[in-house]
Amino acid sequence: MQSRLGSRFFVPKRFLPNYFNYKLKIKLDEENKELECSICLQNLFEEPLKEADANQLNMSLMETNLHKEVSIMNTPCNHKFHEECLSQWM
């Protein structure tokens, strides 16, 4: 039965832990425009840059992308990451 239904098939659902949804969509606004990825330490509303490109960072993108919506990863401890950064780190 375990090979067909999984190793926890016999555990009642009320004893199983809840699943945490790591994906979160947020919009750029004045409150969260300073959010940064805790791994690469770059703004969450910009693509993570490689080290060679880090010195070419252009902050004017923040003004042109107002109300931009991005998909980020949010952990249970409420740290926010770029999806690429967290998956590479894990």
N, C-alpha and C. Protein backbone atom coordinates (compact mmCIF):
# COMPACT_ATOMS: atom_id res chain seq x y z
N MET A 1 0.82 -1.20 0.00
CA MET A 1 0.00 0.00 0.00
C MET A 1 0.86 1.26 0.00
N GLN A 2 2.01 1.22 0.70
CA GLN A 2 2.85 2.41 0.74
C GLN A 2 3.40 2.77 -0.63
N SER A 3 3.74 1.79 -1.43
CA SER A 3 4.29 2.09 -2.75
C SER A 3 3.23 2.68 -3.68
N ARG A 4 1.96 2.35 -3.45
CA ARG A 4 0.89 2.87 -4.29
C ARG A 4 0.31 4.18 -3.76
N LEU A 5 0.12 4.31 -2.45
CA LEU A 5 -0.56 5.47 -1.88
C LEU A 5 0.35 6.44 -1.13
N GLY A 6 1.61 6.09 -0.98
CA GLY A 6 2.54 6.98 -0.28
C GLY A 6 2.79 6.50 1.14
N SER A 7 3.85 6.99 1.73
CA SER A 7 4.29 6.49 3.04
C SER A 7 3.40 6.95 4.19
N ARG A 8 2.58 7.97 3.97
CA ARG A 8 1.75 8.46 5.07
C ARG A 8 0.26 8.19 4.84
N PHE A 9 -0.06 7.19 4.03
CA PHE A 9 -1.46 6.93 3.70
C PHE A 9 -2.29 6.54 4.91
N PHE A 10 -1.67 5.94 5.90
CA PHE A 10 -2.41 5.44 7.05
C PHE A 10 -2.58 6.47 8.16
N VAL A 11 -1.92 7.62 8.05
CA VAL A 11 -2.01 8.66 9.08
C VAL A 11 -3.28 9.49 8.81
N PRO A 12 -4.15 9.66 9.79
CA PRO A 12 -5.34 10.50 9.59
C PRO A 12 -4.96 11.94 9.23
N LYS A 13 -5.74 12.54 8.35
CA LYS A 13 -5.44 13.90 7.85
C LYS A 13 -5.32 14.92 8.97
N ARG A 14 -6.05 14.76 10.03
CA ARG A 14 -5.99 15.74 11.12
C ARG A 14 -4.64 15.74 11.84
N PHE A 15 -3.84 14.67 11.67
CA PHE A 15 -2.52 14.61 12.29
C PHE A 15 -1.40 15.03 11.35
N LEU A 16 -1.71 15.23 10.10
CA LEU A 16 -0.71 15.66 9.13
C LEU A 16 -0.50 17.17 9.23
N PRO A 17 0.73 17.64 9.03
CA PRO A 17 0.96 19.09 9.09
C PRO A 17 0.34 19.80 7.89
N ASN A 18 -0.01 21.06 8.07
CA ASN A 18 -0.51 21.87 6.96
C ASN A 18 0.64 22.19 6.02
N TYR A 19 0.30 22.32 4.74
CA TYR A 19 1.31 22.68 3.76
C TYR A 19 1.38 24.20 3.66
N PHE A 20 2.59 24.71 3.54
CA PHE A 20 2.81 26.15 3.44
C PHE A 20 3.02 26.51 1.98
N ASN A 21 2.30 27.50 1.49
CA ASN A 21 2.45 27.97 0.13
C ASN A 21 3.55 29.04 0.10
N TYR A 22 4.66 28.73 -0.51
CA TYR A 22 5.80 29.63 -0.56
C TYR A 22 5.65 30.74 -1.59
N LYS A 23 4.84 30.53 -2.62
CA LYS A 23 4.72 31.53 -3.68
C LYS A 23 3.78 32.64 -3.24
N LEU A 24 4.19 33.86 -3.52
CA LEU A 24 3.43 35.04 -3.12
C LEU A 24 3.55 36.06 -4.24
N LYS A 25 2.43 36.68 -4.60
CA LYS A 25 2.45 37.75 -5.59
C LYS A 25 2.21 39.06 -4.87
N ILE A 26 3.10 40.01 -5.11
CA ILE A 26 2.94 41.33 -4.51
C ILE A 26 3.10 42.39 -5.59
N LYS A 27 2.48 43.55 -5.35
CA LYS A 27 2.58 44.67 -6.27
C LYS A 27 3.52 45.72 -5.70
N LEU A 28 4.22 46.35 -6.59
CA LEU A 28 5.13 47.43 -6.21
C LEU A 28 4.31 48.66 -5.83
N ASP A 29 4.52 49.17 -4.65
CA ASP A 29 3.92 50.43 -4.24
C ASP A 29 4.87 51.11 -3.26
N GLU A 30 4.47 52.21 -2.71
CA GLU A 30 5.34 52.98 -1.82
C GLU A 30 5.71 52.21 -0.55
N GLU A 31 4.84 51.33 -0.08
CA GLU A 31 5.11 50.61 1.16
C GLU A 31 6.18 49.55 1.00
N ASN A 32 6.21 48.86 -0.13
CA ASN A 32 7.13 47.75 -0.25
C ASN A 32 8.20 47.94 -1.33
N LYS A 33 8.43 49.15 -1.76
CA LYS A 33 9.43 49.36 -2.81
C LYS A 33 10.86 49.12 -2.32
N GLU A 34 11.06 49.08 -1.01
CA GLU A 34 12.39 48.86 -0.45
C GLU A 34 12.65 47.41 -0.06
N LEU A 35 11.73 46.49 -0.37
CA LEU A 35 11.93 45.09 -0.02
C LEU A 35 13.11 44.53 -0.80
N GLU A 36 13.92 43.73 -0.11
CA GLU A 36 15.05 43.13 -0.79
C GLU A 36 15.13 41.65 -0.49
N CYS A 37 15.73 40.93 -1.41
CA CYS A 37 15.93 39.49 -1.27
C CYS A 37 16.99 39.27 -0.18
N SER A 38 16.70 38.38 0.74
CA SER A 38 17.62 38.15 1.85
C SER A 38 18.84 37.33 1.44
N ILE A 39 18.87 36.82 0.24
CA ILE A 39 20.04 36.05 -0.24
C ILE A 39 20.97 36.93 -1.06
N CYS A 40 20.44 37.55 -2.12
CA CYS A 40 21.30 38.36 -2.99
C CYS A 40 21.35 39.83 -2.57
N LEU A 41 20.47 40.22 -1.64
CA LEU A 41 20.41 41.58 -1.10
C LEU A 41 20.09 42.64 -2.16
N GLN A 42 19.38 42.23 -3.22
CA GLN A 42 18.94 43.17 -4.24
C GLN A 42 17.43 43.35 -4.12
N ASN A 43 16.93 44.39 -4.73
CA ASN A 43 15.50 44.69 -4.67
C ASN A 43 14.68 43.54 -5.25
N LEU A 44 13.56 43.21 -4.62
CA LEU A 44 12.73 42.09 -5.06
C LEU A 44 12.03 42.37 -6.38
N PHE A 45 11.88 43.62 -6.78
CA PHE A 45 11.17 43.95 -8.00
C PHE A 45 12.08 44.02 -9.21
N GLU A 46 13.32 43.64 -9.04
CA GLU A 46 14.26 43.57 -10.15
C GLU A 46 14.78 42.16 -10.24
N GLU A 47 15.19 41.78 -11.43
CA GLU A 47 15.75 40.45 -11.61
C GLU A 47 17.07 40.36 -10.84
N PRO A 48 17.36 39.20 -10.22
CA PRO A 48 18.65 39.07 -9.55
C PRO A 48 19.78 39.17 -10.56
N LEU A 49 20.79 39.95 -10.23
CA LEU A 49 21.90 40.18 -11.14
C LEU A 49 23.07 39.28 -10.80
N LYS A 50 23.84 38.96 -11.82
CA LYS A 50 25.07 38.23 -11.59
C LYS A 50 26.10 39.21 -11.04
N GLU A 51 27.13 38.72 -10.40
CA GLU A 51 28.10 39.61 -9.76
C GLU A 51 28.74 40.56 -10.76
N ALA A 52 28.95 40.11 -11.99
CA ALA A 52 29.57 40.97 -13.00
C ALA A 52 28.66 42.15 -13.36
N ASP A 53 27.35 41.95 -13.27
CA ASP A 53 26.40 42.99 -13.63
C ASP A 53 25.98 43.85 -12.44
N ALA A 54 26.41 43.51 -11.24
CA ALA A 54 25.93 44.19 -10.04
C ALA A 54 26.27 45.67 -10.03
N ASN A 55 27.38 46.05 -10.62
CA ASN A 55 27.75 47.47 -10.60
C ASN A 55 27.01 48.27 -11.67
N GLN A 56 26.21 47.62 -12.51
CA GLN A 56 25.43 48.33 -13.53
C GLN A 56 23.98 48.48 -13.12
N LEU A 57 23.68 48.30 -11.83
CA LEU A 57 22.32 48.37 -11.32
C LEU A 57 21.76 49.78 -11.54
N ASN A 58 20.54 49.84 -12.10
CA ASN A 58 19.91 51.12 -12.39
C ASN A 58 18.66 51.26 -11.54
N MET A 59 18.67 52.16 -10.55
CA MET A 59 17.55 52.33 -9.65
C MET A 59 16.37 53.08 -10.29
N SER A 60 16.55 53.64 -11.47
CA SER A 60 15.44 54.35 -12.11
C SER A 60 14.34 53.39 -12.55
N LEU A 61 14.62 52.10 -12.58
CA LEU A 61 13.59 51.12 -12.93
C LEU A 61 12.44 51.14 -11.93
N MET A 62 12.73 51.51 -10.69
CA MET A 62 11.70 51.53 -9.66
C MET A 62 10.59 52.52 -10.00
N GLU A 63 10.94 53.67 -10.53
CA GLU A 63 9.94 54.67 -10.86
C GLU A 63 9.14 54.27 -12.10
N THR A 64 9.77 53.62 -13.08
CA THR A 64 9.07 53.27 -14.31
C THR A 64 8.18 52.05 -14.14
N ASN A 65 8.44 51.20 -13.15
CA ASN A 65 7.67 49.97 -12.96
C ASN A 65 6.70 50.06 -11.79
N LEU A 66 6.17 51.24 -11.52
CA LEU A 66 5.21 51.39 -10.44
C LEU A 66 3.99 50.53 -10.70
N HIS A 67 3.49 49.86 -9.68
CA HIS A 67 2.37 48.92 -9.73
C HIS A 67 2.70 47.64 -10.49
N LYS A 68 3.96 47.35 -10.63
CA LYS A 68 4.38 46.09 -11.24
C LYS A 68 4.13 44.96 -10.25
N GLU A 69 3.66 43.82 -10.74
CA GLU A 69 3.40 42.67 -9.86
C GLU A 69 4.46 41.61 -10.12
N VAL A 70 5.06 41.10 -9.04
CA VAL A 70 6.08 40.07 -9.17
C VAL A 70 5.70 38.88 -8.31
N SER A 71 6.20 37.73 -8.70
CA SER A 71 6.00 36.51 -7.93
C SER A 71 7.29 36.24 -7.16
N ILE A 72 7.17 36.18 -5.85
CA ILE A 72 8.34 35.95 -5.01
C ILE A 72 8.08 34.75 -4.12
N MET A 73 9.09 34.34 -3.39
CA MET A 73 8.96 33.24 -2.44
C MET A 73 8.96 33.84 -1.04
N ASN A 74 7.99 33.43 -0.24
CA ASN A 74 7.85 33.91 1.13
C ASN A 74 7.92 32.70 2.05
N THR A 75 8.86 32.68 2.99
CA THR A 75 9.04 31.54 3.88
C THR A 75 8.15 31.68 5.11
N PRO A 76 7.97 30.61 5.90
CA PRO A 76 7.15 30.71 7.11
C PRO A 76 7.65 31.75 8.10
N CYS A 77 8.94 32.03 8.07
CA CYS A 77 9.50 33.05 8.97
C CYS A 77 9.37 34.45 8.39
N ASN A 78 8.66 34.59 7.26
CA ASN A 78 8.35 35.86 6.60
C ASN A 78 9.55 36.54 5.96
N HIS A 79 10.56 35.78 5.58
CA HIS A 79 11.64 36.32 4.75
C HIS A 79 11.22 36.18 3.30
N LYS A 80 11.58 37.14 2.48
CA LYS A 80 11.16 37.15 1.09
C LYS A 80 12.38 37.02 0.19
N PHE A 81 12.23 36.24 -0.88
CA PHE A 81 13.34 35.92 -1.76
C PHE A 81 12.88 35.95 -3.21
N HIS A 82 13.86 36.15 -4.13
CA HIS A 82 13.61 35.85 -5.54
C HIS A 82 13.47 34.34 -5.64
N GLU A 83 12.63 33.89 -6.53
CA GLU A 83 12.43 32.44 -6.68
C GLU A 83 13.73 31.75 -7.10
N GLU A 84 14.48 32.36 -7.99
CA GLU A 84 15.74 31.78 -8.45
C GLU A 84 16.76 31.68 -7.31
N CYS A 85 16.82 32.71 -6.48
CA CYS A 85 17.78 32.73 -5.37
C CYS A 85 17.48 31.63 -4.37
N LEU A 86 16.21 31.49 -3.99
CA LEU A 86 15.85 30.49 -2.98
C LEU A 86 16.03 29.07 -3.51
N SER A 87 15.64 28.82 -4.76
CA SER A 87 15.79 27.47 -5.29
C SER A 87 17.26 27.10 -5.46
N GLN A 88 18.10 28.06 -5.82
CA GLN A 88 19.54 27.79 -5.94
C GLN A 88 20.16 27.57 -4.56
N TRP A 89 19.74 28.34 -3.60
CA TRP A 89 20.28 28.25 -2.24
C TRP A 89 19.87 26.93 -1.57
N MET A 90 18.61 26.52 -1.79
CA MET A 90 18.14 25.28 -1.18
C MET A 90 18.80 24.09 -1.86
